[in-house]
Amino acid sequence: MKNKQREIEEIIQFVQNHPESTVSRRIYRETLGEAPARIDSAVLRQVRDKLEIADEFTIEGYNYLIR
């Protein structure tokens, strides 16, 4: 299994490359409580911070969704 940091990096990369996708918007809603109108470095940092404290099942679930 991949380490958590690498999995988080892949999730961040995905939402950065596909900010308007259904999956990205779901990740924003679930981690931030809303899907922001504009995605910038501050939003990505907030998502990363939330993922850092998320459990492994959440991280695995998001990694499954971005595949």
C-alpha atoms as a PDB file:
ATOM      1  CA  MET A   1       0.000   0.000   0.000  1.00  0.00           C
ATOM      2  CA  LYS A   2       1.122   3.522  -0.776  1.00  0.00           C
ATOM      3  CA  ASN A   3       1.986   5.830   2.034  1.00  0.00           C
ATOM      4  CA  LYS A   4      -0.533   8.433   3.150  1.00  0.00           C
ATOM      5  CA  GLN A   5       1.533  11.414   2.000  1.00  0.00           C
ATOM      6  CA  ARG A   6       1.758  10.117  -1.548  1.00  0.00           C
ATOM      7  CA  GLU A   7      -1.950   9.337  -1.644  1.00  0.00           C
ATOM      8  CA  ILE A   8      -2.773  12.839  -0.393  1.00  0.00           C
ATOM      9  CA  GLU A   9      -0.459  14.297  -3.032  1.00  0.00           C
ATOM     10  CA  GLU A  10      -2.322  12.363  -5.743  1.00  0.00           C
ATOM     11  CA  ILE A  11      -5.677  13.648  -4.478  1.00  0.00           C
ATOM     12  CA  ILE A  12      -4.424  17.252  -4.390  1.00  0.00           C
ATOM     13  CA  GLN A  13      -2.960  16.867  -7.888  1.00  0.00           C
ATOM     14  CA  PHE A  14      -6.289  15.553  -9.155  1.00  0.00           C
ATOM     15  CA  VAL A  15      -8.406  18.355  -7.683  1.00  0.00           C
ATOM     16  CA  GLN A  16      -5.890  20.895  -8.938  1.00  0.00           C
ATOM     17  CA  ASN A  17      -5.976  19.487 -12.487  1.00  0.00           C
ATOM     18  CA  HIS A  18      -9.754  18.887 -12.530  1.00  0.00           C
ATOM     19  CA  PRO A  19     -11.223  21.563 -10.215  1.00  0.00           C
ATOM     20  CA  GLU A  20     -14.730  21.428 -11.688  1.00  0.00           C
ATOM     21  CA  SER A  21     -15.112  17.649 -11.875  1.00  0.00           C
ATOM     22  CA  THR A  22     -17.871  15.954  -9.904  1.00  0.00           C
ATOM     23  CA  VAL A  23     -15.257  14.037  -7.901  1.00  0.00           C
ATOM     24  CA  SER A  24     -13.304  17.194  -7.029  1.00  0.00           C
ATOM     25  CA  ARG A  25     -16.466  18.999  -5.969  1.00  0.00           C
ATOM     26  CA  ARG A  26     -17.401  16.028  -3.769  1.00  0.00           C
ATOM     27  CA  ILE A  27     -13.956  16.081  -2.136  1.00  0.00           C
ATOM     28  CA  TYR A  28     -14.285  19.847  -1.481  1.00  0.00           C
ATOM     29  CA  ARG A  29     -17.764  19.399  -0.004  1.00  0.00           C
ATOM     30  CA  GLU A  30     -16.741  16.535   2.244  1.00  0.00           C
ATOM     31  CA  THR A  31     -13.460  18.061   3.453  1.00  0.00           C
ATOM     32  CA  LEU A  32     -14.414  21.746   3.589  1.00  0.00           C
ATOM     33  CA  GLY A  33     -18.171  21.575   4.032  1.00  0.00           C
ATOM     34  CA  GLU A  34     -18.758  23.324   0.698  1.00  0.00           C
ATOM     35  CA  ALA A  35     -17.516  23.442  -2.870  1.00  0.00           C
ATOM     36  CA  PRO A  36     -15.839  26.859  -3.196  1.00  0.00           C
ATOM     37  CA  ALA A  37     -16.619  28.991  -6.248  1.00  0.00           C
ATOM     38  CA  ARG A  38     -12.914  29.522  -6.906  1.00  0.00           C
ATOM     39  CA  ILE A  39     -10.119  27.063  -6.355  1.00  0.00           C
ATOM     40  CA  ASP A  40      -6.820  28.674  -5.388  1.00  0.00           C
ATOM     41  CA  SER A  41      -3.743  27.739  -3.406  1.00  0.00           C
ATOM     42  CA  ALA A  42      -5.452  28.635  -0.114  1.00  0.00           C
ATOM     43  CA  VAL A  43      -8.341  26.246  -0.840  1.00  0.00           C
ATOM     44  CA  LEU A  44      -5.924  23.492  -1.859  1.00  0.00           C
ATOM     45  CA  ARG A  45      -3.983  24.034   1.365  1.00  0.00           C
ATOM     46  CA  GLN A  46      -7.209  23.698   3.396  1.00  0.00           C
ATOM     47  CA  VAL A  47      -8.073  20.461   1.598  1.00  0.00           C
ATOM     48  CA  ARG A  48      -4.544  19.146   2.232  1.00  0.00           C
ATOM     49  CA  ASP A  49      -4.792  20.054   5.940  1.00  0.00           C
ATOM     50  CA  LYS A  50      -8.108  18.193   6.240  1.00  0.00           C
ATOM     51  CA  LEU A  51      -6.711  15.155   4.415  1.00  0.00           C
ATOM     52  CA  GLU A  52      -3.694  15.090   6.741  1.00  0.00           C
ATOM     53  CA  ILE A  53      -6.005  14.380   9.680  1.00  0.00           C
ATOM     54  CA  ALA A  54      -8.451  12.146   7.779  1.00  0.00           C
ATOM     55  CA  ASP A  55      -8.529   8.420   8.464  1.00  0.00           C
ATOM     56  CA  GLU A  56      -7.050   5.913   6.049  1.00  0.00           C
ATOM     57  CA  PHE A  57     -10.484   4.817   4.794  1.00  0.00           C
ATOM     58  CA  THR A  58     -11.304   8.359   3.715  1.00  0.00           C
ATOM     59  CA  ILE A  59      -7.977   8.697   1.888  1.00  0.00           C
ATOM     60  CA  GLU A  60      -8.412   5.292   0.236  1.00  0.00           C
ATOM     61  CA  GLY A  61     -11.945   6.211  -0.794  1.00  0.00           C
ATOM     62  CA  TYR A  62     -10.838   9.433  -2.461  1.00  0.00           C
ATOM     63  CA  ASN A  63      -7.996   7.631  -4.200  1.00  0.00           C
ATOM     64  CA  TYR A  64     -10.495   5.111  -5.527  1.00  0.00           C
ATOM     65  CA  LEU A  65     -12.699   7.951  -6.826  1.00  0.00           C
ATOM     66  CA  ILE A  66      -9.882   9.717  -8.696  1.00  0.00           C
ATOM     67  CA  ARG A  67      -8.840   6.563 -10.589  1.00  0.00           C
END
